[in-house]
C-alpha atoms as a PDB file:
ATOM      1  CA  MET A   1      69.118 148.122 139.794  1.00  0.00           C
ATOM      2  CA  LYS A   2      69.131 144.353 140.447  1.00  0.00           C
ATOM      3  CA  THR A   3      68.053 143.788 136.859  1.00  0.00           C
ATOM      4  CA  ILE A   4      70.941 145.945 135.579  1.00  0.00           C
ATOM      5  CA  ARG A   5      73.449 144.124 137.793  1.00  0.00           C
ATOM      6  CA  LYS A   6      72.097 140.743 136.620  1.00  0.00           C
ATOM      7  CA  THR A   7      72.355 141.823 132.975  1.00  0.00           C
ATOM      8  CA  ILE A   8      75.928 143.059 133.444  1.00  0.00           C
ATOM      9  CA  GLY A   9      76.831 139.790 135.202  1.00  0.00           C
ATOM     10  CA  LEU A  10      75.455 137.727 132.350  1.00  0.00           C
ATOM     11  CA  MET A  11      77.325 139.827 129.808  1.00  0.00           C
ATOM     12  CA  LEU A  12      80.600 139.432 131.713  1.00  0.00           C
ATOM     13  CA  ALA A  13      80.083 135.678 131.980  1.00  0.00           C
ATOM     14  CA  LEU A  14      79.374 135.484 128.262  1.00  0.00           C
ATOM     15  CA  CYS A  15      82.513 137.502 127.463  1.00  0.00           C
ATOM     16  CA  LEU A  16      84.547 135.213 129.707  1.00  0.00           C
ATOM     17  CA  LEU A  17      83.229 132.109 127.966  1.00  0.00           C
ATOM     18  CA  LEU A  18      83.900 133.577 124.544  1.00  0.00           C
ATOM     19  CA  GLY A  19      87.386 134.551 125.627  1.00  0.00           C
ATOM     20  CA  LEU A  20      88.124 131.062 126.916  1.00  0.00           C
ATOM     21  CA  ALA A  21      86.798 129.535 123.710  1.00  0.00           C
ATOM     22  CA  ALA A  22      88.987 131.824 121.630  1.00  0.00           C
ATOM     23  CA  GLY A  23      92.027 131.058 123.768  1.00  0.00           C
ATOM     24  CA  ALA A  24      91.459 127.319 123.404  1.00  0.00           C
ATOM     25  CA  SER A  25      91.139 127.439 119.624  1.00  0.00           C
ATOM     26  CA  ALA A  26      93.776 125.724 117.532  1.00  0.00           C
ATOM     27  CA  THR A  27      94.877 125.749 113.929  1.00  0.00           C
ATOM     28  CA  THR A  28      93.070 123.099 111.915  1.00  0.00           C
ATOM     29  CA  PHE A  29      94.397 121.175 108.943  1.00  0.00           C
ATOM     30  CA  THR A  30      92.472 119.034 106.484  1.00  0.00           C
ATOM     31  CA  ASP A  31      94.593 116.024 105.652  1.00  0.00           C
ATOM     32  CA  ALA A  32      94.718 114.167 102.351  1.00  0.00           C
ATOM     33  CA  HIS A  33      91.908 111.842 103.469  1.00  0.00           C
ATOM     34  CA  GLY A  34      89.586 114.742 104.287  1.00  0.00           C
ATOM     35  CA  ASN A  35      90.011 114.503 108.059  1.00  0.00           C
ATOM     36  CA  VAL A  36      90.029 117.837 109.882  1.00  0.00           C
ATOM     37  CA  ILE A  37      92.676 117.679 112.596  1.00  0.00           C
ATOM     38  CA  GLU A  38      93.732 120.159 115.238  1.00  0.00           C
ATOM     39  CA  LEU A  39      97.383 121.139 115.256  1.00  0.00           C
ATOM     40  CA  ASP A  40      99.300 121.987 118.399  1.00  0.00           C
ATOM     41  CA  GLU A  41     100.204 125.650 117.955  1.00  0.00           C
ATOM     42  CA  SER A  42     102.724 125.452 120.793  1.00  0.00           C
ATOM     43  CA  LEU A  43     105.071 123.299 118.689  1.00  0.00           C
ATOM     44  CA  GLU A  44     107.918 125.391 117.360  1.00  0.00           C
ATOM     45  CA  ALA A  45     111.363 124.610 116.010  1.00  0.00           C
ATOM     46  CA  TYR A  46     114.043 126.218 113.888  1.00  0.00           C
ATOM     47  CA  SER A  47     115.928 124.902 110.875  1.00  0.00           C
ATOM     48  CA  ASP A  48     119.278 126.310 109.824  1.00  0.00           C
ATOM     49  CA  HIS A  49     118.742 124.918 106.326  1.00  0.00           C
ATOM     50  CA  VAL A  50     115.992 124.214 103.822  1.00  0.00           C
ATOM     51  CA  LEU A  51     114.850 120.587 104.134  1.00  0.00           C
ATOM     52  CA  TYR A  52     113.905 119.361 100.670  1.00  0.00           C
ATOM     53  CA  GLY A  53     110.696 117.508  99.830  1.00  0.00           C
ATOM     54  CA  ALA A  54     108.860 119.706  97.309  1.00  0.00           C
ATOM     55  CA  GLU A  55     108.914 119.323  93.531  1.00  0.00           C
ATOM     56  CA  ASN A  56     109.330 115.546  93.855  1.00  0.00           C
ATOM     57  CA  ALA A  57     112.832 115.944  95.332  1.00  0.00           C
ATOM     58  CA  ALA A  58     112.425 112.903  97.598  1.00  0.00           C
ATOM     59  CA  ARG A  59     111.348 110.746  94.651  1.00  0.00           C
ATOM     60  CA  LYS A  60     114.574 111.364  92.728  1.00  0.00           C
ATOM     61  CA  GLY A  61     117.240 110.625  95.323  1.00  0.00           C
ATOM     62  CA  GLU A  62     118.282 111.087  98.907  1.00  0.00           C
ATOM     63  CA  THR A  63     117.293 114.381 100.539  1.00  0.00           C
ATOM     64  CA  ASN A  64     118.132 115.929 103.890  1.00  0.00           C
ATOM     65  CA  LEU A  65     114.426 115.863 104.774  1.00  0.00           C
ATOM     66  CA  GLY A  66     114.365 112.131 104.022  1.00  0.00           C
ATOM     67  CA  ASP A  67     117.384 111.649 106.277  1.00  0.00           C
ATOM     68  CA  LEU A  68     115.720 113.548 109.119  1.00  0.00           C
ATOM     69  CA  TRP A  69     112.402 111.756 108.686  1.00  0.00           C
ATOM     70  CA  THR A  70     113.857 108.265 108.718  1.00  0.00           C
ATOM     71  CA  ASP A  71     116.289 109.089 111.534  1.00  0.00           C
ATOM     72  CA  ALA A  72     113.304 110.072 113.665  1.00  0.00           C
ATOM     73  CA  LEU A  73     111.522 106.788 112.939  1.00  0.00           C
ATOM     74  CA  ARG A  74     114.578 104.663 113.639  1.00  0.00           C
ATOM     75  CA  TRP A  75     115.305 106.604 116.857  1.00  0.00           C
ATOM     76  CA  PHE A  76     111.702 106.033 117.958  1.00  0.00           C
ATOM     77  CA  ALA A  77     112.326 102.279 117.811  1.00  0.00           C
ATOM     78  CA  VAL A  78     115.920 102.114 119.042  1.00  0.00           C
ATOM     79  CA  SER A  79     115.220 104.397 122.009  1.00  0.00           C
ATOM     80  CA  GLY A  80     112.341 102.231 123.172  1.00  0.00           C
ATOM     81  CA  LYS A  81     109.855 105.112 122.868  1.00  0.00           C
ATOM     82  CA  ILE A  82     107.814 102.919 120.534  1.00  0.00           C
ATOM     83  CA  ASN A  83     107.135 100.453 123.353  1.00  0.00           C
ATOM     84  CA  GLY A  84     104.349 102.609 124.749  1.00  0.00           C
ATOM     85  CA  PHE A  85     102.435 102.622 121.456  1.00  0.00           C
ATOM     86  CA  PHE A  86     101.670  98.960 120.796  1.00  0.00           C
ATOM     87  CA  GLU A  87      97.995  98.113 120.376  1.00  0.00           C
ATOM     88  CA  GLU A  88      96.197  96.387 123.243  1.00  0.00           C
ATOM     89  CA  ASP A  89      95.989  93.099 121.316  1.00  0.00           C
ATOM     90  CA  ASP A  90      99.754  93.177 120.747  1.00  0.00           C
ATOM     91  CA  VAL A  91     100.434  93.821 124.419  1.00  0.00           C
ATOM     92  CA  THR A  92      98.117  90.989 125.429  1.00  0.00           C
ATOM     93  CA  ALA A  93     100.002  88.695 123.041  1.00  0.00           C
ATOM     94  CA  GLY A  94     103.342  89.762 124.524  1.00  0.00           C
ATOM     95  CA  ASN A  95     104.395  91.953 121.598  1.00  0.00           C
ATOM     96  CA  THR A  96     105.541  94.939 123.650  1.00  0.00           C
ATOM     97  CA  GLU A  97     108.915  95.901 122.187  1.00  0.00           C
ATOM     98  CA  ILE A  98     111.007  95.666 119.032  1.00  0.00           C
ATOM     99  CA  ALA A  99     112.244  92.097 118.645  1.00  0.00           C
ATOM    100  CA  ALA A 100     115.644  93.105 117.246  1.00  0.00           C
ATOM    101  CA  ASP A 101     118.788  94.786 118.493  1.00  0.00           C
ATOM    102  CA  ALA A 102     119.821  98.254 117.297  1.00  0.00           C
ATOM    103  CA  GLU A 103     122.138  96.800 114.617  1.00  0.00           C
ATOM    104  CA  HIS A 104     119.135  95.163 112.958  1.00  0.00           C
ATOM    105  CA  ILE A 105     116.741  98.122 113.063  1.00  0.00           C
ATOM    106  CA  VAL A 106     116.334 100.296 109.960  1.00  0.00           C
ATOM    107  CA  ALA A 107     113.770 102.833 108.770  1.00  0.00           C
ATOM    108  CA  LEU A 108     112.303 103.171 105.268  1.00  0.00           C
ATOM    109  CA  TRP A 109     110.046 105.976 104.060  1.00  0.00           C
ATOM    110  CA  ASN A 110     108.744 106.385 100.518  1.00  0.00           C
ATOM    111  CA  GLY A 111     109.599 109.691  98.849  1.00  0.00           C
ATOM    112  CA  GLY A 112     106.056 110.167  97.590  1.00  0.00           C
ATOM    113  CA  ASN A 113     105.029 110.756 101.200  1.00  0.00           C
ATOM    114  CA  LEU A 114     107.277 113.803 101.575  1.00  0.00           C
ATOM    115  CA  ARG A 115     105.287 116.521  99.829  1.00  0.00           C
ATOM    116  CA  ALA A 116     106.796 119.885 100.792  1.00  0.00           C
ATOM    117  CA  ASP A 117     109.979 121.643 101.856  1.00  0.00           C
ATOM    118  CA  VAL A 118     110.602 122.846 105.383  1.00  0.00           C
ATOM    119  CA  ALA A 119     111.916 126.363 104.875  1.00  0.00           C
ATOM    120  CA  GLU A 120     114.944 127.751 106.646  1.00  0.00           C
ATOM    121  CA  GLY A 121     113.907 129.506 109.846  1.00  0.00           C
ATOM    122  CA  LYS A 122     111.136 128.996 112.362  1.00  0.00           C
ATOM    123  CA  PHE A 123     108.438 126.424 111.639  1.00  0.00           C
ATOM    124  CA  GLY A 124     105.594 124.669 113.418  1.00  0.00           C
ATOM    125  CA  ALA A 125     103.133 121.806 113.208  1.00  0.00           C
ATOM    126  CA  GLU A 126     101.408 123.199 110.131  1.00  0.00           C
ATOM    127  CA  GLN A 127     104.604 122.943 108.092  1.00  0.00           C
ATOM    128  CA  LEU A 128     105.045 119.259 108.987  1.00  0.00           C
ATOM    129  CA  ALA A 129     101.400 118.613 108.132  1.00  0.00           C
ATOM    130  CA  GLU A 130     102.089 120.060 104.683  1.00  0.00           C
ATOM    131  CA  VAL A 131     105.082 117.718 104.305  1.00  0.00           C
ATOM    132  CA  LEU A 132     102.965 114.705 105.244  1.00  0.00           C
ATOM    133  CA  PRO A 133      99.267 115.395 104.598  1.00  0.00           C
ATOM    134  CA  TYR A 134      98.324 111.790 105.417  1.00  0.00           C
ATOM    135  CA  PRO A 135      97.278 110.333 108.805  1.00  0.00           C
ATOM    136  CA  ASN A 136     100.065 107.755 108.746  1.00  0.00           C
ATOM    137  CA  LYS A 137     100.974 105.695 111.797  1.00  0.00           C
ATOM    138  CA  VAL A 138     104.276 104.036 112.617  1.00  0.00           C
ATOM    139  CA  ALA A 139     104.504 100.376 111.656  1.00  0.00           C
ATOM    140  CA  VAL A 140     107.074  97.624 112.188  1.00  0.00           C
ATOM    141  CA  VAL A 141     107.744  94.951 109.562  1.00  0.00           C
ATOM    142  CA  TYR A 142     110.129  92.079 110.253  1.00  0.00           C
ATOM    143  CA  MET A 143     111.903  91.079 107.057  1.00  0.00           C
ATOM    144  CA  THR A 144     114.818  88.934 106.038  1.00  0.00           C
ATOM    145  CA  GLY A 145     117.715  90.684 104.356  1.00  0.00           C
ATOM    146  CA  ALA A 146     116.659  89.081 101.079  1.00  0.00           C
ATOM    147  CA  GLN A 147     113.158  90.540 101.430  1.00  0.00           C
ATOM    148  CA  LEU A 148     114.599  93.937 102.338  1.00  0.00           C
ATOM    149  CA  LEU A 149     116.786  93.897  99.230  1.00  0.00           C
ATOM    150  CA  GLU A 150     113.808  93.053  97.007  1.00  0.00           C
ATOM    151  CA  THR A 151     111.815  95.842  98.661  1.00  0.00           C
ATOM    152  CA  LEU A 152     114.504  98.365  97.715  1.00  0.00           C
ATOM    153  CA  GLU A 153     114.815  96.920  94.193  1.00  0.00           C
ATOM    154  CA  ALA A 154     111.076  97.252  93.555  1.00  0.00           C
ATOM    155  CA  ALA A 155     110.903 100.673  95.213  1.00  0.00           C
ATOM    156  CA  SER A 156     113.597 102.017  92.873  1.00  0.00           C
ATOM    157  CA  GLN A 157     112.056 100.749  89.629  1.00  0.00           C
ATOM    158  CA  GLY A 158     111.081 104.235  88.413  1.00  0.00           C
ATOM    159  CA  LEU A 159     114.637 105.584  88.547  1.00  0.00           C
ATOM    160  CA  PRO A 160     116.034 107.579  86.926  1.00  0.00           C
ATOM    161  CA  CYS A 161     113.080 109.803  87.734  1.00  0.00           C
ATOM    162  CA  THR A 162     111.668 111.515  84.646  1.00  0.00           C
ATOM    163  CA  GLU A 163     108.365 113.103  83.730  1.00  0.00           C
ATOM    164  CA  ALA A 164     107.251 109.713  82.425  1.00  0.00           C
ATOM    165  CA  THR A 165     108.250 107.793  85.579  1.00  0.00           C
ATOM    166  CA  VAL A 166     107.582 110.335  88.333  1.00  0.00           C
ATOM    167  CA  ASP A 167     104.484 108.485  89.570  1.00  0.00           C
ATOM    168  CA  ALA A 168     106.402 105.223  89.838  1.00  0.00           C
ATOM    169  CA  CYS A 169     109.158 107.065  91.695  1.00  0.00           C
ATOM    170  CA  ALA A 170     106.753 107.753  94.579  1.00  0.00           C
ATOM    171  CA  SER A 171     107.849 104.389  95.994  1.00  0.00           C
ATOM    172  CA  PHE A 172     111.552 105.324  96.154  1.00  0.00           C
ATOM    173  CA  MET A 173     112.805 104.759  99.701  1.00  0.00           C
ATOM    174  CA  GLN A 174     114.580 107.269 101.918  1.00  0.00           C
ATOM    175  CA  VAL A 175     116.440 105.329 104.609  1.00  0.00           C
ATOM    176  CA  SER A 176     118.107 105.358 108.008  1.00  0.00           C
ATOM    177  CA  GLY A 177     120.360 102.613 109.308  1.00  0.00           C
ATOM    178  CA  LEU A 178     121.559 101.385 105.935  1.00  0.00           C
ATOM    179  CA  ARG A 179     123.324 102.489 102.756  1.00  0.00           C
ATOM    180  CA  TYR A 180     122.422 101.298  99.285  1.00  0.00           C
ATOM    181  CA  THR A 181     123.220 101.884  95.612  1.00  0.00           C
ATOM    182  CA  VAL A 182     120.910 101.906  92.585  1.00  0.00           C
ATOM    183  CA  ASP A 183     122.557 101.186  89.231  1.00  0.00           C
ATOM    184  CA  THR A 184     120.198 102.812  86.721  1.00  0.00           C
ATOM    185  CA  ALA A 185     122.343 101.626  83.811  1.00  0.00           C
ATOM    186  CA  LYS A 186     120.724  98.247  84.425  1.00  0.00           C
ATOM    187  CA  GLU A 187     117.104  97.901  83.372  1.00  0.00           C
ATOM    188  CA  TYR A 188     114.564  96.952  86.000  1.00  0.00           C
ATOM    189  CA  ASP A 189     113.396  93.386  85.395  1.00  0.00           C
ATOM    190  CA  LYS A 190     109.606  93.723  85.385  1.00  0.00           C
ATOM    191  CA  GLY A 191     107.578  90.800  86.619  1.00  0.00           C
ATOM    192  CA  GLU A 192     103.795  90.801  86.903  1.00  0.00           C
ATOM    193  CA  ALA A 193     102.007  94.098  87.430  1.00  0.00           C
ATOM    194  CA  TYR A 194     101.361  95.059  91.039  1.00  0.00           C
ATOM    195  CA  GLY A 195      98.300  97.110  91.981  1.00  0.00           C
ATOM    196  CA  ASP A 196      95.761  98.759  89.720  1.00  0.00           C
ATOM    197  CA  SER A 197      97.604 101.980  88.859  1.00  0.00           C
ATOM    198  CA  GLY A 198      99.880 100.504  86.206  1.00  0.00           C
ATOM    199  CA  ASN A 199     102.875 102.204  87.842  1.00  0.00           C
ATOM    200  CA  TRP A 200     104.530  99.235  89.545  1.00  0.00           C
ATOM    201  CA  TYR A 201     105.695  95.708  88.773  1.00  0.00           C
ATOM    202  CA  ARG A 202     107.080  92.972  90.956  1.00  0.00           C
ATOM    203  CA  ALA A 203     110.783  92.300  90.555  1.00  0.00           C
ATOM    204  CA  ALA A 204     111.332  89.247  88.336  1.00  0.00           C
ATOM    205  CA  SER A 205     115.001  89.250  89.330  1.00  0.00           C
ATOM    206  CA  LEU A 206     117.372  91.406  91.367  1.00  0.00           C
ATOM    207  CA  GLY A 207     120.447  93.254  90.179  1.00  0.00           C
ATOM    208  CA  ARG A 208     119.990  97.032  90.171  1.00  0.00           C
ATOM    209  CA  VAL A 209     120.198  97.549  93.947  1.00  0.00           C
ATOM    210  CA  ALA A 210     123.076  96.652  96.267  1.00  0.00           C
ATOM    211  CA  VAL A 211     122.973  97.169 100.037  1.00  0.00           C
ATOM    212  CA  GLU A 212     126.375  98.436 101.123  1.00  0.00           C
ATOM    213  CA  ASP A 213     125.946  97.982 104.875  1.00  0.00           C
ATOM    214  CA  VAL A 214     123.376  97.987 107.662  1.00  0.00           C
ATOM    215  CA  ASN A 215     124.242 100.180 110.640  1.00  0.00           C
ATOM    216  CA  GLY A 216     127.904  99.877 109.733  1.00  0.00           C
ATOM    217  CA  LYS A 217     127.796  96.051 109.608  1.00  0.00           C
ATOM    218  CA  PRO A 218     127.847  93.758 106.567  1.00  0.00           C
ATOM    219  CA  PHE A 219     124.442  93.194 104.990  1.00  0.00           C
ATOM    220  CA  ASP A 220     123.141  89.688 105.685  1.00  0.00           C
ATOM    221  CA  PRO A 221     120.434  88.274 103.362  1.00  0.00           C
ATOM    222  CA  GLU A 222     119.591  85.640 105.994  1.00  0.00           C
ATOM    223  CA  ALA A 223     119.287  87.973 108.978  1.00  0.00           C
ATOM    224  CA  VAL A 224     115.958  89.345 110.199  1.00  0.00           C
ATOM    225  CA  TYR A 225     115.668  93.132 110.252  1.00  0.00           C
ATOM    226  CA  ALA A 226     113.026  95.273 111.942  1.00  0.00           C
ATOM    227  CA  VAL A 227     111.921  97.826 109.358  1.00  0.00           C
ATOM    228  CA  ILE A 228     110.236 100.926 110.787  1.00  0.00           C
ATOM    229  CA  THR A 229     107.887 102.479 108.241  1.00  0.00           C
ATOM    230  CA  SER A 230     104.276 103.621 107.750  1.00  0.00           C
ATOM    231  CA  ASN A 231     101.026 101.705 107.973  1.00  0.00           C
ATOM    232  CA  ALA A 232     100.588 102.404 104.240  1.00  0.00           C
ATOM    233  CA  ASN A 233     103.782 100.560 103.298  1.00  0.00           C
ATOM    234  CA  PHE A 234     102.916  97.822 105.810  1.00  0.00           C
ATOM    235  CA  ASN A 235      99.693  97.284 103.878  1.00  0.00           C
ATOM    236  CA  GLY A 236     101.452  97.103 100.501  1.00  0.00           C
ATOM    237  CA  MET A 237     101.079 100.628  99.114  1.00  0.00           C
ATOM    238  CA  ASP A 238     102.830 101.516  95.833  1.00  0.00           C
ATOM    239  CA  SER A 239     105.533  98.899  95.211  1.00  0.00           C
ATOM    240  CA  SER A 240     105.580  97.527  98.782  1.00  0.00           C
ATOM    241  CA  TYR A 241     104.296  94.051  97.958  1.00  0.00           C
ATOM    242  CA  MET A 242     107.220  92.460  99.797  1.00  0.00           C
ATOM    243  CA  MET A 243     106.523  94.444 102.962  1.00  0.00           C
ATOM    244  CA  LYS A 244     102.942  93.215 102.943  1.00  0.00           C
ATOM    245  CA  ALA A 245     104.058  89.610 102.441  1.00  0.00           C
ATOM    246  CA  ALA A 246     106.705  89.858 105.176  1.00  0.00           C
ATOM    247  CA  ALA A 247     104.203  91.404 107.599  1.00  0.00           C
ATOM    248  CA  GLU A 248     101.817  88.519 106.999  1.00  0.00           C
ATOM    249  CA  GLU A 249     104.608  85.991 107.584  1.00  0.00           C
ATOM    250  CA  ASN A 250     105.780  87.389 110.925  1.00  0.00           C
ATOM    251  CA  GLU A 251     103.044  87.872 113.535  1.00  0.00           C
ATOM    252  CA  LYS A 252     105.170  90.370 115.470  1.00  0.00           C
ATOM    253  CA  SER A 253     104.910  92.795 112.551  1.00  0.00           C
ATOM    254  CA  THR A 254     102.367  95.410 113.555  1.00  0.00           C
ATOM    255  CA  ILE A 255     100.915  98.887 113.151  1.00  0.00           C
ATOM    256  CA  THR A 256     101.275 100.968 116.311  1.00  0.00           C
ATOM    257  CA  THR A 257      99.083 103.788 117.599  1.00  0.00           C
ATOM    258  CA  ALA A 258     101.888 106.361 117.134  1.00  0.00           C
ATOM    259  CA  VAL A 259     101.118 109.116 114.601  1.00  0.00           C
ATOM    260  CA  VAL A 260     104.145 109.701 112.374  1.00  0.00           C
ATOM    261  CA  ARG A 261     104.043 113.503 112.554  1.00  0.00           C
ATOM    262  CA  ASP A 262     104.011 113.292 116.357  1.00  0.00           C
ATOM    263  CA  VAL A 263     107.087 111.072 116.281  1.00  0.00           C
ATOM    264  CA  ILE A 264     108.940 113.525 114.039  1.00  0.00           C
ATOM    265  CA  TRP A 265     108.182 116.315 116.511  1.00  0.00           C
ATOM    266  CA  MET A 266     109.282 114.127 119.404  1.00  0.00           C
ATOM    267  CA  TYR A 267     112.649 113.575 117.713  1.00  0.00           C
ATOM    268  CA  ILE A 268     113.080 117.261 116.880  1.00  0.00           C
ATOM    269  CA  ALA A 269     112.292 118.264 120.458  1.00  0.00           C
ATOM    270  CA  GLU A 270     114.063 115.545 122.439  1.00  0.00           C
ATOM    271  CA  VAL A 271     117.096 114.786 120.286  1.00  0.00           C
ATOM    272  CA  LEU A 272     117.671 117.955 118.270  1.00  0.00           C
ATOM    273  CA  GLU A 273     116.425 120.290 121.017  1.00  0.00           C
ATOM    274  CA  ASN A 274     114.159 122.091 118.550  1.00  0.00           C
ATOM    275  CA  ARG A 275     116.953 123.147 116.213  1.00  0.00           C
ATOM    276  CA  ILE A 276     117.803 121.331 112.980  1.00  0.00           C
ATOM    277  CA  GLY A 277     121.468 122.140 112.443  1.00  0.00           C
ATOM    278  CA  GLU A 278     124.555 121.049 110.549  1.00  0.00           C
ATOM    279  CA  ASP A 279     123.777 117.325 110.702  1.00  0.00           C
ATOM    280  CA  TYR A 280     121.046 117.957 108.135  1.00  0.00           C
ATOM    281  CA  ALA A 281     122.709 120.683 106.075  1.00  0.00           C
ATOM    282  CA  GLU A 282     123.337 118.177 103.274  1.00  0.00           C
ATOM    283  CA  VAL A 283     122.434 114.589 102.478  1.00  0.00           C
ATOM    284  CA  GLN A 284     124.367 111.992 104.433  1.00  0.00           C
ATOM    285  CA  ASP A 285     125.430 109.773 101.517  1.00  0.00           C
ATOM    286  CA  ARG A 286     123.117 106.890 102.357  1.00  0.00           C
ATOM    287  CA  ILE A 287     121.859 106.400  98.815  1.00  0.00           C
ATOM    288  CA  ALA A 288     123.831 106.481  95.583  1.00  0.00           C
ATOM    289  CA  VAL A 289     121.811 106.661  92.368  1.00  0.00           C
ATOM    290  CA  LYS A 290     124.198 105.984  89.481  1.00  0.00           C
END
């Protein structure tokens, strides 16, 4: 009898352990770098509209998904939430907050890093992982207005986006905190090739892009702006040679520990209260491609 009771006890304990293990399991996602990550299945939101990123939509012009994405990044900085995500070396050096006021904070995100739509209706962490299948972190680059303008000029060199230029259009920037125009009737003035892909060239001169305003204020080529973006752009990905140069010039420029997808969820939860509504029904006329 004792043996039977002992056997039953062991079986119950085993069932309990298996049950706990099953309850603790999470959806996994393999990102574009081959990392297997666990997704928080408790994250859930609702969109009243399709947010467009698939079929290269964010490479061709402004999209509502691009507006949402960059709004989240800019909010992360302006709200001060970013202050808790500076690396230990930055904190030790006194770099513990954004060294710019809200009027001089903007966000830039390259359209090639928005890979999927968010469908109308309920969605979760897996859908955002499909939009951004890269382990990007939030970065801050301090740039002069002149450097920011050249960044946008170089980023737009593939426009108008065609089958022949779609790879170059990956660098096209979705934005928050500024409005700009790209005049595609003017030819991009190619300087020396940048990178090994053959897709991008430095800007030999400027003329296709005009910044209309920054946070409702006149654009100032001499002012210093805090650009919130990804670690990839910080390091000079695609056409971002000017971001890399600016980051090297200003020691306060840095890559934080904040994971971009987590920041997007934070914005959706805390600001939008888990519902993406009329503010993102259409694009917000931040970018004009003529």
